[in-house]
Amino acid sequence: MSLGAAVALTTRRVVEPVEGMHRAIARRWFGALGAAGEPTRRVHDTVSGLVYGAIRLAGAAVGVAVDAGLPVERRGADSVQAIVNGLWGDALGRHEERLGITMGVRDPAGRSVGPDCDLAAAFPTATAHLVVLVHGLVKTERCWRGTDGHGGIYRALEDHPALTPVPVRYNSGLRVSVNGEELASLLEEVVSAWPVPVHSIALVGHSMGGLVVRSAGALARAAGHRWIDEVHTVVAIATPHRGAPLEKAANLAAWCLRVAPETRPLGDFLNGRSVGIKDLRFGAIAEEDWSQHDSDALLANTVADHPLLAGIDHHFITSVVTTRPSHPIGVAMGDLLVRAVSGSGRRGADTADVVLLGGLNHFEVLHEPAVIDRVMGWLEPPPLQAVPAHITDGGGR
């Protein structure tokens, strides 16, 4: 990816609302002065235009300099790319196309592994039991590796003799349903090219990743993909199945800011956030949830109550920041990004499959040892079904 392009894009995106607000305020004041203020207005508009143009040019120049000579650690560059994709990944122009992340499987070193590549070389210890890991908004697959000395779910999977972690990276700024469709197709290709016959698949998603997993499962079943028949478990961690309060607040703030001409540019800037983020408002996972609807309408819930896939065990982990989960502050704030009622799945979910923890925020829950242990218990591969004797001996007794 080009880190310099990310710098230039961010500069331009931030400058636009400031310039628009400046012009709107100036227009009101110069309008009050009438014809007497016209000469001053022309000078002001020329100077301000040059200033904002210079800022954009400086951002582009810094971007070129970054690309030309600044050594950037790969992990840091990947994180910047993930953030840019999460914020504006659905609207990258032709000059920023190289910033876009193409959905794909990643090997243990974080390198992209296409289905047409040598999966045996990328996964030398591949087993028959796959655990697909799908990260959340503005993140990469490295979120599964743990922090502060904890090994994380990825390390636990690496240490398990029967399970193979299959991390996925994707553009989290795209529609959840678009990413769901891409994931469904990707897994069909991966399973077909896997080095050994696949006997079981588990899907694990964090935050937005849980919505992408649900979308992929529904689309795969509707399309008749073979891989979905091997799925035995779905785990969603801190996933906003019923929506995220912060996205609802952003929707309300943008609507209010657009009322006045002076603040309208800020409202437009807020509305410029990616459609992937907007899908989090009410947990949209299917095309019909957003197609033919205004994504910026004020708190308009157009999301259907999609049922969980039959024949698959679904598990939900959610948390609140207060030690006692039933504390009013914890109930209201959830994990700071997702409330417990949203993280526990949509209506119809079996409450026995919901784990509610206290004292953990949205990102801490992913690395909590108790959570890792619980998830690993759910991921245990199902026992292979015994082959009937009449098949192995040709039907004789």
Protein backbone atom coordinates (compact mmCIF):
# COMPACT_ATOMS: atom_id res chain seq x y z
CA MET A 1 0.00 0.00 0.00
CA SER A 2 1.01 3.68 -0.28
CA LEU A 3 1.26 5.39 3.10
CA GLY A 4 1.83 8.67 1.30
CA ALA A 5 -1.50 8.33 -0.49
CA ALA A 6 -3.15 7.84 2.91
CA VAL A 7 -1.59 11.08 4.17
CA ALA A 8 -2.75 13.02 1.11
CA LEU A 9 -6.27 11.56 1.29
CA THR A 10 -6.65 12.31 5.00
CA THR A 11 -5.44 15.89 4.50
CA ARG A 12 -7.96 16.47 1.73
CA ARG A 13 -10.86 14.89 3.65
CA VAL A 14 -10.18 16.99 6.75
CA VAL A 15 -9.62 20.27 4.90
CA GLU A 16 -12.86 20.09 2.89
CA PRO A 17 -15.34 20.60 5.78
CA VAL A 18 -13.20 23.32 7.37
CA GLU A 19 -13.02 25.23 4.09
CA GLY A 20 -16.73 24.76 3.47
CA MET A 21 -17.63 26.04 6.92
CA HIS A 22 -15.29 29.01 6.51
CA ARG A 23 -16.90 29.94 3.19
CA ALA A 24 -20.42 29.60 4.58
CA ILE A 25 -19.68 31.93 7.51
CA ALA A 26 -17.92 34.44 5.23
CA ARG A 27 -20.83 34.34 2.80
CA ARG A 28 -23.26 35.30 5.55
CA TRP A 29 -21.17 38.23 6.80
CA PHE A 30 -20.28 39.61 3.39
CA GLY A 31 -23.91 39.23 2.34
CA ALA A 32 -24.92 41.48 5.22
CA LEU A 33 -22.54 44.17 3.96
CA GLY A 34 -24.11 44.21 0.53
CA ALA A 35 -22.38 45.84 -2.45
CA ALA A 36 -20.00 47.72 -0.15
CA GLY A 37 -18.38 44.50 0.95
CA GLU A 38 -18.02 43.00 -2.54
CA PRO A 39 -14.37 44.06 -3.17
CA THR A 40 -13.31 42.74 0.24
CA ARG A 41 -15.22 39.47 -0.38
CA ARG A 42 -13.34 38.90 -3.64
CA VAL A 43 -9.97 39.42 -1.97
CA HIS A 44 -10.99 37.16 0.92
CA ASP A 45 -12.18 34.36 -1.38
CA THR A 46 -8.98 34.52 -3.43
CA VAL A 47 -6.68 34.45 -0.41
CA SER A 48 -8.62 31.72 1.40
CA GLY A 49 -8.73 29.64 -1.77
CA LEU A 50 -4.94 29.91 -2.07
CA VAL A 51 -4.47 28.99 1.61
CA TYR A 52 -6.63 25.88 1.48
CA GLY A 53 -5.13 24.90 -1.86
CA ALA A 54 -1.66 25.22 -0.35
CA ILE A 55 -2.67 22.97 2.56
CA ARG A 56 -3.89 20.31 0.15
CA LEU A 57 -0.71 20.65 -1.92
CA ALA A 58 1.39 20.36 1.23
CA GLY A 59 -0.45 17.18 2.21
CA ALA A 60 0.20 15.72 -1.24
CA ALA A 61 3.87 16.75 -1.05
CA VAL A 62 4.29 15.16 2.37
CA GLY A 63 2.68 12.02 0.96
CA VAL A 64 5.18 11.90 -1.89
CA ALA A 65 8.05 12.45 0.54
CA VAL A 66 6.77 9.67 2.77
CA ASP A 67 6.63 7.26 -0.15
CA ALA A 68 10.05 8.36 -1.38
CA GLY A 69 12.18 8.08 1.71
CA LEU A 70 10.43 7.28 4.98
CA PRO A 71 11.03 3.72 6.21
CA VAL A 72 7.72 2.40 7.50
CA GLU A 73 7.30 -0.77 9.53
CA ARG A 74 4.90 -3.08 7.74
CA ARG A 75 2.58 -3.51 10.69
CA GLY A 76 2.18 0.26 11.05
CA ALA A 77 1.50 0.71 7.34
CA ASP A 78 -1.08 -2.07 7.40
CA SER A 79 -2.81 -0.42 10.36
CA VAL A 80 -2.97 2.95 8.58
CA GLN A 81 -4.38 1.26 5.49
CA ALA A 82 -7.01 -0.54 7.60
CA ILE A 83 -8.08 2.72 9.25
CA VAL A 84 -8.38 4.54 5.91
CA ASN A 85 -10.40 1.63 4.51
CA GLY A 86 -12.70 1.58 7.51
CA LEU A 87 -13.37 5.31 7.35
CA TRP A 88 -13.66 5.83 3.58
CA GLY A 89 -13.07 2.44 1.96
CA ASP A 90 -16.24 2.57 -0.14
CA ALA A 91 -15.30 5.87 -1.79
CA LEU A 92 -11.62 5.64 -2.65
CA GLY A 93 -11.07 7.53 -5.88
CA ARG A 94 -8.87 6.40 -8.74
CA HIS A 95 -5.88 8.12 -7.13
CA GLU A 96 -6.35 6.11 -3.93
CA GLU A 97 -7.29 2.75 -5.45
CA ARG A 98 -3.99 1.30 -4.28
CA LEU A 99 -5.12 1.96 -0.71
CA GLY A 100 -8.04 -0.46 -1.03
CA ILE A 101 -7.75 -3.84 0.67
CA THR A 102 -8.77 -6.86 -1.36
CA MET A 103 -10.35 -9.54 0.78
CA GLY A 104 -8.08 -12.50 1.20
CA VAL A 105 -6.62 -15.09 3.53
CA ARG A 106 -3.38 -14.17 5.30
CA ASP A 107 -0.58 -16.52 6.26
CA PRO A 108 1.05 -16.42 9.73
CA ALA A 109 3.38 -13.63 8.57
CA GLY A 110 0.48 -11.46 7.37
CA ARG A 111 1.14 -12.04 3.67
CA SER A 112 -1.81 -12.34 1.32
CA VAL A 113 -2.53 -15.89 0.18
CA GLY A 114 -4.81 -16.24 -2.85
CA PRO A 115 -6.75 -19.46 -3.46
CA ASP A 116 -4.67 -19.98 -6.60
CA CYS A 117 -1.46 -19.88 -4.54
CA ASP A 118 0.16 -22.85 -2.87
CA LEU A 119 -1.95 -23.17 0.27
CA ALA A 120 0.17 -26.12 1.40
CA ALA A 121 3.23 -23.87 1.49
CA ALA A 122 1.35 -21.09 3.32
CA PHE A 123 -0.16 -23.54 5.82
CA PRO A 124 2.42 -26.33 6.19
CA THR A 125 0.60 -27.81 9.21
CA ALA A 126 -2.87 -27.60 7.67
CA THR A 127 -5.47 -29.81 9.32
CA ALA A 128 -8.97 -30.88 8.32
CA HIS A 129 -10.56 -28.46 10.79
CA LEU A 130 -10.53 -24.76 9.79
CA VAL A 131 -11.21 -21.80 12.07
CA VAL A 132 -11.88 -18.69 9.99
CA LEU A 133 -11.08 -15.44 11.85
CA VAL A 134 -12.76 -12.21 10.68
CA HIS A 135 -11.66 -8.91 12.27
CA GLY A 136 -13.73 -5.80 12.92
CA LEU A 137 -13.88 -2.20 11.65
CA VAL A 138 -10.52 -0.46 10.93
CA LYS A 139 -8.63 -3.56 12.10
CA THR A 140 -6.52 -6.29 10.51
CA GLU A 141 -6.19 -9.97 11.29
CA ARG A 142 -3.42 -9.09 13.75
CA CYS A 143 -6.10 -8.24 16.31
CA TRP A 144 -6.36 -11.99 17.03
CA ARG A 145 -2.75 -12.24 18.19
CA GLY A 146 -3.20 -10.75 21.64
CA THR A 147 -1.54 -7.97 23.62
CA ASP A 148 0.27 -7.42 26.91
CA GLY A 149 1.82 -10.85 26.96
CA HIS A 150 -1.39 -12.75 26.27
CA GLY A 151 -1.16 -15.10 23.33
CA GLY A 152 -4.60 -14.36 21.97
CA ILE A 153 -6.99 -16.67 20.18
CA TYR A 154 -4.59 -17.08 17.25
CA ARG A 155 -1.81 -18.47 19.46
CA ALA A 156 -4.26 -20.83 21.17
CA LEU A 157 -5.32 -22.12 17.77
CA GLU A 158 -1.72 -22.57 16.67
CA ASP A 159 -1.09 -24.69 19.75
CA HIS A 160 -4.12 -26.89 19.10
CA PRO A 161 -3.11 -30.05 17.22
CA ALA A 162 -6.37 -30.43 15.30
CA LEU A 163 -7.30 -26.82 14.41
CA THR A 164 -5.89 -24.50 11.75
CA PRO A 165 -6.48 -20.73 12.05
CA VAL A 166 -7.41 -19.09 8.74
CA PRO A 167 -7.29 -15.29 9.26
CA VAL A 168 -8.98 -13.01 6.74
CA ARG A 169 -8.27 -9.35 5.97
CA TYR A 170 -10.82 -7.15 4.18
CA ASN A 171 -11.92 -3.59 3.44
CA SER A 172 -14.17 -2.80 6.40
CA GLY A 173 -15.51 0.34 4.73
CA LEU A 174 -17.54 -1.66 2.22
CA ARG A 175 -21.08 -2.84 2.87
CA VAL A 176 -21.29 -5.74 5.31
CA SER A 177 -23.34 -7.63 2.73
CA VAL A 178 -20.69 -6.99 0.05
CA ASN A 179 -17.97 -8.31 2.33
CA GLY A 180 -20.25 -11.21 3.25
CA GLU A 181 -20.63 -12.13 -0.41
CA GLU A 182 -16.87 -11.88 -0.97
CA LEU A 183 -16.17 -14.03 2.08
CA ALA A 184 -18.65 -16.66 0.96
CA SER A 185 -16.96 -16.91 -2.46
CA LEU A 186 -13.47 -16.82 -0.96
CA LEU A 187 -14.17 -19.71 1.40
CA GLU A 188 -15.63 -21.78 -1.42
CA GLU A 189 -12.34 -21.37 -3.30
CA VAL A 190 -10.15 -21.93 -0.24
CA VAL A 191 -11.93 -25.11 0.81
CA SER A 192 -11.69 -26.49 -2.73
CA ALA A 193 -7.93 -25.86 -2.79
CA TRP A 194 -7.16 -26.79 0.83
CA PRO A 195 -4.21 -29.22 1.12
CA VAL A 196 -6.25 -31.85 2.96
CA PRO A 197 -9.98 -32.75 2.85
CA VAL A 198 -11.95 -30.36 5.05
CA HIS A 199 -14.06 -32.03 7.75
CA SER A 200 -15.26 -29.01 9.71
CA ILE A 201 -15.28 -25.20 9.68
CA ALA A 202 -15.83 -22.73 12.49
CA LEU A 203 -16.36 -19.00 11.90
CA VAL A 204 -15.26 -16.44 14.50
CA GLY A 205 -15.91 -12.73 14.11
CA HIS A 206 -15.10 -9.74 16.29
CA SER A 207 -17.29 -6.63 16.17
CA MET A 208 -18.20 -5.95 12.50
CA GLY A 209 -16.59 -9.30 11.69
CA GLY A 210 -19.46 -11.06 13.41
CA LEU A 211 -21.92 -9.38 11.04
CA VAL A 212 -19.77 -10.26 8.02
CA VAL A 213 -19.71 -13.90 9.15
CA ARG A 214 -23.50 -14.02 9.51
CA SER A 215 -23.93 -12.39 6.10
CA ALA A 216 -21.51 -14.82 4.46
CA GLY A 217 -23.27 -17.83 5.97
CA ALA A 218 -26.70 -16.75 4.76
CA LEU A 219 -25.43 -15.93 1.27
CA ALA A 220 -23.47 -19.18 1.03
CA ARG A 221 -26.50 -21.26 1.94
CA ALA A 222 -28.68 -19.38 -0.55
CA ALA A 223 -26.05 -19.88 -3.28
CA GLY A 224 -25.56 -23.57 -2.49
CA HIS A 225 -21.88 -23.25 -1.60
CA ARG A 226 -20.37 -26.49 -0.37
CA TRP A 227 -18.31 -25.03 2.46
CA ILE A 228 -21.33 -23.95 4.49
CA ASP A 229 -22.30 -27.60 4.94
CA GLU A 230 -19.07 -28.13 6.91
CA VAL A 231 -19.71 -25.25 9.34
CA HIS A 232 -20.54 -26.45 12.84
CA THR A 233 -19.93 -23.33 14.96
CA VAL A 234 -20.26 -19.55 14.67
CA VAL A 235 -18.85 -17.30 17.39
CA ALA A 236 -19.57 -13.56 17.48
CA ILE A 237 -17.55 -11.47 19.95
CA ALA A 238 -18.70 -7.92 20.80
CA THR A 239 -20.80 -7.77 17.64
CA PRO A 240 -23.53 -5.10 17.25
CA HIS A 241 -26.29 -7.42 16.02
CA ARG A 242 -28.92 -4.82 16.94
CA GLY A 243 -26.81 -1.79 16.18
CA ALA A 244 -24.13 0.42 17.74
CA PRO A 245 -24.99 3.55 19.79
CA LEU A 246 -21.97 5.49 18.51
CA GLU A 247 -23.10 5.12 14.89
CA LYS A 248 -26.62 6.18 15.87
CA ALA A 249 -25.11 9.26 17.54
CA ALA A 250 -23.07 10.05 14.41
CA ASN A 251 -26.22 9.81 12.29
CA LEU A 252 -28.06 12.20 14.63
CA ALA A 253 -25.14 14.63 14.81
CA ALA A 254 -24.77 14.77 11.02
CA TRP A 255 -28.50 15.40 10.61
CA CYS A 256 -28.41 18.26 13.13
CA LEU A 257 -25.27 19.83 11.65
CA ARG A 258 -26.80 19.93 8.19
CA VAL A 259 -29.67 22.15 9.35
CA ALA A 260 -27.63 25.39 9.35
CA PRO A 261 -25.62 26.51 6.28
CA GLU A 262 -22.58 27.32 8.43
CA THR A 263 -22.35 23.83 9.92
CA ARG A 264 -23.61 21.91 6.88
CA PRO A 265 -20.05 21.15 5.66
CA LEU A 266 -19.36 19.38 8.96
CA GLY A 267 -22.58 17.41 8.55
CA ASP A 268 -21.51 16.44 5.03
CA PHE A 269 -18.11 15.42 6.39
CA LEU A 270 -19.76 13.14 8.95
CA ASN A 271 -22.05 11.68 6.29
CA GLY A 272 -18.94 10.94 4.26
CA ARG A 273 -18.04 8.10 6.61
CA SER A 274 -18.09 4.71 4.94
CA VAL A 275 -21.23 2.70 4.30
CA GLY A 276 -19.59 -0.08 6.30
CA ILE A 277 -19.77 2.13 9.39
CA LYS A 278 -23.37 3.07 8.57
CA ASP A 279 -24.31 -0.62 8.43
CA LEU A 280 -23.38 -0.79 12.12
CA ARG A 281 -26.21 1.60 13.02
CA PHE A 282 -28.79 -1.19 13.17
CA GLY A 283 -26.70 -4.24 12.25
CA ALA A 284 -27.39 -4.53 8.50
CA ILE A 285 -26.15 -7.82 7.02
CA ALA A 286 -28.17 -8.21 3.81
CA GLU A 287 -28.58 -6.13 0.67
CA GLU A 288 -32.28 -5.66 1.31
CA ASP A 289 -31.42 -3.97 4.61
CA TRP A 290 -29.96 -0.95 2.80
CA SER A 291 -30.92 -1.14 -0.89
CA GLN A 292 -33.40 1.54 -1.95
CA HIS A 293 -33.02 3.29 1.42
CA ASP A 294 -31.34 6.57 2.32
CA SER A 295 -28.34 5.64 4.46
CA ASP A 296 -28.32 9.13 6.00
CA ALA A 297 -32.01 9.25 6.98
CA LEU A 298 -32.47 10.11 10.64
CA LEU A 299 -32.43 6.89 12.71
CA ALA A 300 -34.47 4.98 10.13
CA ASN A 301 -34.25 1.28 10.96
CA THR A 302 -34.70 -0.72 7.75
CA VAL A 303 -32.91 -3.86 8.97
CA ALA A 304 -34.87 -7.11 8.98
CA ASP A 305 -34.64 -9.59 11.85
CA HIS A 306 -32.60 -12.23 10.06
CA PRO A 307 -32.80 -15.69 11.64
CA LEU A 308 -29.73 -17.65 12.63
CA LEU A 309 -28.73 -20.44 10.27
CA ALA A 310 -30.30 -23.76 11.19
CA GLY A 311 -28.05 -26.68 12.05
CA ILE A 312 -25.16 -24.49 13.26
CA ASP A 313 -24.25 -23.74 16.88
CA HIS A 314 -24.19 -19.98 17.46
CA HIS A 315 -22.40 -18.41 20.42
CA PHE A 316 -22.33 -14.77 21.48
CA ILE A 317 -19.86 -13.05 23.79
CA THR A 318 -20.58 -9.55 24.98
CA SER A 319 -19.34 -7.38 27.83
CA VAL A 320 -19.89 -4.21 29.82
CA VAL A 321 -17.32 -1.84 31.34
CA THR A 322 -18.69 -2.16 34.87
CA THR A 323 -17.63 -5.09 37.05
CA ARG A 324 -21.26 -5.98 37.69
CA PRO A 325 -22.99 -6.60 34.33
CA SER A 326 -26.37 -5.54 35.71
CA HIS A 327 -25.12 -2.14 36.87
CA PRO A 328 -27.19 0.66 35.24
CA ILE A 329 -24.07 2.32 33.82
CA GLY A 330 -22.94 -0.98 32.32
CA VAL A 331 -26.39 -1.60 30.85
CA ALA A 332 -26.38 1.87 29.29
CA MET A 333 -22.77 1.97 28.06
CA GLY A 334 -22.10 -1.69 27.28
CA ASP A 335 -18.46 -2.14 26.27
CA LEU A 336 -18.31 1.54 25.17
CA LEU A 337 -19.13 0.63 21.56
CA VAL A 338 -21.71 -2.17 21.76
CA ARG A 339 -24.42 -2.61 24.38
CA ALA A 340 -24.97 -6.05 25.88
CA VAL A 341 -28.47 -6.39 24.44
CA SER A 342 -27.02 -5.83 20.96
CA GLY A 343 -24.03 -8.11 21.45
CA SER A 344 -26.25 -10.96 22.62
CA GLY A 345 -27.67 -11.51 19.15
CA ARG A 346 -30.94 -10.66 17.45
CA ARG A 347 -34.29 -11.86 18.70
CA GLY A 348 -34.68 -15.61 18.69
CA ALA A 349 -31.11 -16.37 19.82
CA ASP A 350 -30.85 -19.08 22.46
CA THR A 351 -29.91 -17.28 25.67
CA ALA A 352 -27.88 -20.34 26.70
CA ASP A 353 -25.43 -19.41 23.95
CA VAL A 354 -24.79 -15.90 25.31
CA VAL A 355 -21.88 -15.09 27.63
CA LEU A 356 -22.04 -11.68 29.35
CA LEU A 357 -18.89 -10.48 31.11
CA GLY A 358 -18.22 -7.47 33.32
CA GLY A 359 -15.24 -5.13 33.54
CA LEU A 360 -14.15 -5.38 29.90
CA ASN A 361 -14.32 -2.87 27.05
CA HIS A 362 -14.84 -3.58 23.36
CA PHE A 363 -11.23 -4.54 22.64
CA GLU A 364 -10.22 -6.03 25.97
CA VAL A 365 -12.82 -8.77 25.65
CA LEU A 366 -11.00 -10.16 22.62
CA HIS A 367 -7.87 -10.88 24.67
CA GLU A 368 -9.39 -11.91 27.99
CA PRO A 369 -8.01 -15.36 28.97
CA ALA A 370 -11.43 -16.52 30.15
CA VAL A 371 -12.91 -15.58 26.78
CA ILE A 372 -10.15 -17.40 24.91
CA ASP A 373 -10.72 -20.54 26.97
CA ARG A 374 -14.48 -20.39 26.36
CA VAL A 375 -14.04 -19.87 22.61
CA MET A 376 -11.53 -22.71 22.34
CA GLY A 377 -14.03 -25.00 24.03
CA TRP A 378 -16.66 -24.11 21.44
CA LEU A 379 -14.20 -24.64 18.59
CA GLU A 380 -13.39 -28.24 19.43
CA PRO A 381 -13.94 -30.13 16.17
CA PRO A 382 -16.90 -32.48 16.08
CA PRO A 383 -16.09 -36.20 16.13
CA LEU A 384 -15.89 -37.84 12.75
CA GLN A 385 -18.93 -39.94 11.98
CA ALA A 386 -18.17 -43.63 11.84
CA VAL A 387 -18.49 -45.21 8.42
CA PRO A 388 -21.23 -47.90 8.45
CA ALA A 389 -19.91 -51.46 8.22
CA HIS A 390 -22.00 -52.30 5.18
CA ILE A 391 -20.12 -49.61 3.24
CA THR A 392 -16.63 -50.75 4.22
CA ASP A 393 -17.21 -54.48 3.64
CA GLY A 394 -19.35 -54.24 0.54
CA GLY A 395 -22.58 -54.98 2.40
CA GLY A 396 -21.64 -58.37 3.86
CA ARG A 397 -22.17 -59.35 7.48
